[in-house]
């Protein structure tokens, strides 16, 4: 089962012709299919959570996820190699 930040808001057919479906680029927040209606979605407030350097923001396929409290708290982290 995929995590919510790994799923685009449009189906496979729409992704095949969507101008936002660029490999390595997230869906922009103004895309009609990028909105999140999940009960876990909450816009993060405050620099303490938004500036968390351990969050791997590249894992989110939608920009809207990058500022979501649920993603920041439960999403993947950047591994630190020593």
N, C-alpha and C. Protein backbone atom coordinates (compact mmCIF):
# COMPACT_ATOMS: atom_id res chain seq x y z
N UNK A 1 0.84 -1.18 0.00
CA UNK A 1 0.00 0.00 0.00
C UNK A 1 0.89 1.25 0.00
N UNK A 2 0.57 2.17 -0.87
CA UNK A 2 1.37 3.38 -1.01
C UNK A 2 0.97 4.41 0.05
N UNK A 3 1.92 5.24 0.40
CA UNK A 3 1.64 6.35 1.31
C UNK A 3 0.95 7.46 0.52
N UNK A 4 0.19 8.31 1.21
CA UNK A 4 -0.57 9.36 0.52
C UNK A 4 0.34 10.31 -0.25
N UNK A 5 1.53 10.57 0.23
CA UNK A 5 2.44 11.51 -0.45
C UNK A 5 3.10 10.89 -1.68
N UNK A 6 2.86 9.61 -1.92
CA UNK A 6 3.41 8.94 -3.10
C UNK A 6 2.40 8.85 -4.24
N UNK A 7 1.19 9.34 -4.02
CA UNK A 7 0.12 9.21 -5.01
C UNK A 7 -0.26 10.56 -5.60
N UNK A 8 -0.32 10.60 -6.91
CA UNK A 8 -0.82 11.80 -7.58
C UNK A 8 -2.34 11.78 -7.48
N UNK A 9 -2.96 12.92 -7.65
CA UNK A 9 -4.40 13.01 -7.50
C UNK A 9 -5.19 12.60 -8.73
N UNK A 10 -4.52 12.33 -9.83
CA UNK A 10 -5.23 11.96 -11.05
C UNK A 10 -4.98 10.49 -11.38
N UNK A 11 -5.85 9.94 -12.20
CA UNK A 11 -5.72 8.53 -12.55
C UNK A 11 -4.64 8.34 -13.63
N UNK A 12 -4.39 7.08 -13.97
CA UNK A 12 -3.32 6.75 -14.92
C UNK A 12 -3.53 7.38 -16.29
N UNK A 13 -4.77 7.40 -16.75
CA UNK A 13 -5.07 7.98 -18.07
C UNK A 13 -4.76 9.48 -18.07
N UNK A 14 -5.15 10.16 -17.02
CA UNK A 14 -4.90 11.60 -16.93
C UNK A 14 -3.40 11.87 -16.81
N UNK A 15 -2.70 11.03 -16.08
CA UNK A 15 -1.25 11.21 -15.94
C UNK A 15 -0.54 11.11 -17.28
N UNK A 16 -1.07 10.30 -18.19
CA UNK A 16 -0.43 10.11 -19.49
C UNK A 16 -0.46 11.38 -20.33
N UNK A 17 -1.37 12.31 -20.04
CA UNK A 17 -1.46 13.55 -20.82
C UNK A 17 -1.34 14.81 -19.97
N UNK A 18 -1.06 14.64 -18.70
CA UNK A 18 -0.96 15.79 -17.80
C UNK A 18 0.37 16.52 -18.00
N UNK A 19 0.33 17.84 -18.17
CA UNK A 19 1.58 18.60 -18.33
C UNK A 19 2.40 18.66 -17.05
N UNK A 20 1.78 18.35 -15.90
CA UNK A 20 2.50 18.39 -14.63
C UNK A 20 3.22 17.07 -14.34
N UNK A 21 2.92 16.03 -15.08
CA UNK A 21 3.51 14.71 -14.83
C UNK A 21 4.89 14.64 -15.47
N UNK A 22 5.83 15.33 -14.87
CA UNK A 22 7.21 15.38 -15.34
C UNK A 22 8.05 14.59 -14.34
N UNK A 23 8.79 13.59 -14.79
CA UNK A 23 9.60 12.80 -13.87
C UNK A 23 10.49 13.67 -13.00
N UNK A 24 10.43 13.43 -11.70
CA UNK A 24 11.24 14.18 -10.75
C UNK A 24 10.64 15.51 -10.33
N UNK A 25 9.53 15.92 -10.93
CA UNK A 25 8.89 17.18 -10.58
C UNK A 25 7.56 16.91 -9.89
N UNK A 26 7.26 17.61 -8.80
CA UNK A 26 5.99 17.40 -8.11
C UNK A 26 4.83 18.13 -8.79
N UNK A 27 3.61 17.67 -8.51
CA UNK A 27 2.42 18.37 -8.99
C UNK A 27 2.38 19.74 -8.30
N UNK A 28 2.13 20.80 -9.04
CA UNK A 28 2.07 22.12 -8.41
C UNK A 28 0.79 22.26 -7.59
N UNK A 29 0.80 23.12 -6.59
CA UNK A 29 -0.38 23.26 -5.73
C UNK A 29 -1.61 23.81 -6.43
N UNK A 30 -1.44 24.48 -7.57
CA UNK A 30 -2.60 25.03 -8.26
C UNK A 30 -3.27 24.03 -9.21
N UNK A 31 -2.75 22.81 -9.29
CA UNK A 31 -3.36 21.76 -10.11
C UNK A 31 -4.66 21.31 -9.45
N UNK A 32 -5.71 21.14 -10.23
CA UNK A 32 -7.00 20.70 -9.69
C UNK A 32 -6.93 19.34 -9.01
N UNK A 33 -6.00 18.51 -9.41
CA UNK A 33 -5.89 17.16 -8.86
C UNK A 33 -4.89 17.07 -7.71
N UNK A 34 -4.25 18.17 -7.35
CA UNK A 34 -3.25 18.15 -6.30
C UNK A 34 -3.84 18.41 -4.91
N UNK A 35 -5.08 18.82 -4.85
CA UNK A 35 -5.70 19.09 -3.55
C UNK A 35 -5.79 17.80 -2.74
N UNK A 36 -5.71 17.91 -1.44
CA UNK A 36 -5.77 16.74 -0.57
C UNK A 36 -7.02 16.85 0.30
N UNK A 37 -7.87 15.84 0.22
CA UNK A 37 -9.09 15.83 1.03
C UNK A 37 -9.04 14.76 2.12
N UNK A 38 -7.85 14.25 2.38
CA UNK A 38 -7.70 13.23 3.42
C UNK A 38 -7.87 13.85 4.80
N UNK A 39 -8.43 13.12 5.73
CA UNK A 39 -8.61 13.68 7.08
C UNK A 39 -7.28 13.93 7.80
N UNK A 40 -6.22 13.31 7.33
CA UNK A 40 -4.91 13.51 7.97
C UNK A 40 -4.19 14.76 7.46
N UNK A 41 -4.71 15.37 6.39
CA UNK A 41 -4.04 16.55 5.83
C UNK A 41 -4.28 17.77 6.71
N UNK A 42 -3.18 18.40 7.09
CA UNK A 42 -3.24 19.61 7.90
C UNK A 42 -2.05 20.48 7.52
N UNK A 43 -2.31 21.70 7.14
CA UNK A 43 -1.23 22.61 6.75
C UNK A 43 -0.38 22.91 7.98
N UNK A 44 0.91 22.69 7.85
CA UNK A 44 1.85 22.92 8.96
C UNK A 44 2.03 24.41 9.18
N UNK A 45 2.10 24.78 10.44
CA UNK A 45 2.31 26.17 10.81
C UNK A 45 3.53 26.27 11.72
N UNK A 46 4.29 27.31 11.53
CA UNK A 46 5.45 27.54 12.38
C UNK A 46 6.74 27.04 11.77
N UNK A 47 7.79 27.79 11.97
CA UNK A 47 9.08 27.45 11.40
C UNK A 47 9.68 26.19 12.01
N UNK A 48 9.35 25.89 13.25
CA UNK A 48 9.92 24.72 13.90
C UNK A 48 9.60 23.44 13.14
N UNK A 49 8.40 23.34 12.61
CA UNK A 49 8.02 22.13 11.88
C UNK A 49 8.34 22.27 10.39
N UNK A 50 8.12 23.44 9.81
CA UNK A 50 8.35 23.63 8.38
C UNK A 50 9.83 23.56 8.01
N UNK A 51 10.69 23.94 8.91
CA UNK A 51 12.13 23.94 8.63
C UNK A 51 12.82 22.64 9.03
N UNK A 52 12.07 21.60 9.32
CA UNK A 52 12.65 20.33 9.74
C UNK A 52 13.59 19.82 8.65
N UNK A 53 14.90 19.82 8.89
CA UNK A 53 15.86 19.43 7.86
C UNK A 53 15.94 17.91 7.63
N UNK A 54 15.30 17.13 8.47
CA UNK A 54 15.38 15.67 8.35
C UNK A 54 14.34 15.08 7.42
N UNK A 55 13.35 15.87 7.01
CA UNK A 55 12.29 15.37 6.14
C UNK A 55 12.78 15.29 4.70
N UNK A 56 12.53 14.16 4.06
CA UNK A 56 12.90 13.99 2.66
C UNK A 56 11.75 14.49 1.78
N UNK A 57 11.75 15.77 1.51
CA UNK A 57 10.66 16.38 0.75
C UNK A 57 10.61 15.91 -0.70
N UNK A 58 11.69 15.34 -1.19
CA UNK A 58 11.69 14.84 -2.57
C UNK A 58 10.81 13.61 -2.73
N UNK A 59 10.40 12.98 -1.64
CA UNK A 59 9.55 11.80 -1.69
C UNK A 59 8.09 12.15 -2.02
N UNK A 60 7.71 13.39 -1.83
CA UNK A 60 6.33 13.81 -2.08
C UNK A 60 6.13 14.13 -3.56
N UNK A 61 5.12 13.53 -4.18
CA UNK A 61 4.86 13.78 -5.60
C UNK A 61 3.95 14.99 -5.82
N UNK A 62 3.45 15.57 -4.73
CA UNK A 62 2.65 16.79 -4.83
C UNK A 62 3.27 17.84 -3.90
N UNK A 63 3.41 19.05 -4.39
CA UNK A 63 3.99 20.12 -3.58
C UNK A 63 3.18 20.35 -2.31
N UNK A 64 1.88 20.17 -2.38
CA UNK A 64 1.00 20.42 -1.24
C UNK A 64 1.38 19.54 -0.05
N UNK A 65 1.93 18.37 -0.32
CA UNK A 65 2.33 17.45 0.76
C UNK A 65 3.53 17.98 1.54
N UNK A 66 4.36 18.73 0.90
CA UNK A 66 5.60 19.19 1.53
C UNK A 66 5.36 20.13 2.70
N UNK A 67 4.17 20.73 2.77
CA UNK A 67 3.83 21.62 3.88
C UNK A 67 2.71 21.02 4.74
N UNK A 68 2.56 19.71 4.69
CA UNK A 68 1.52 19.01 5.45
C UNK A 68 2.13 18.45 6.74
N UNK A 69 1.48 18.72 7.85
CA UNK A 69 1.96 18.24 9.15
C UNK A 69 2.09 16.72 9.17
N UNK A 70 1.13 16.02 8.60
CA UNK A 70 1.18 14.56 8.59
C UNK A 70 2.41 14.07 7.84
N UNK A 71 2.69 14.63 6.68
CA UNK A 71 3.87 14.25 5.90
C UNK A 71 5.15 14.56 6.66
N UNK A 72 5.23 15.75 7.25
CA UNK A 72 6.44 16.15 7.96
C UNK A 72 6.71 15.24 9.16
N UNK A 73 5.66 14.84 9.85
CA UNK A 73 5.82 13.99 11.04
C UNK A 73 6.01 12.51 10.71
N UNK A 74 5.35 12.02 9.64
CA UNK A 74 5.34 10.59 9.36
C UNK A 74 6.04 10.20 8.05
N UNK A 75 6.46 11.17 7.29
CA UNK A 75 7.08 10.89 6.00
C UNK A 75 8.51 10.41 6.15
N UNK A 76 9.13 10.09 5.02
CA UNK A 76 10.51 9.59 5.06
C UNK A 76 11.49 10.67 5.51
N UNK A 77 12.56 10.21 6.08
CA UNK A 77 13.61 11.13 6.51
C UNK A 77 14.86 10.92 5.67
N UNK A 78 15.69 11.90 5.68
CA UNK A 78 16.96 11.82 4.95
C UNK A 78 17.94 11.05 5.83
N UNK A 79 18.49 10.01 5.26
CA UNK A 79 19.43 9.22 6.05
C UNK A 79 20.75 9.94 6.15
N UNK A 80 21.30 9.91 7.33
CA UNK A 80 22.57 10.58 7.58
C UNK A 80 23.65 9.51 7.70
N UNK A 81 24.56 9.54 6.73
CA UNK A 81 25.65 8.57 6.76
C UNK A 81 26.85 9.21 7.43
N UNK A 82 27.49 8.45 8.27
CA UNK A 82 28.64 8.96 9.02
C UNK A 82 29.92 8.48 8.40
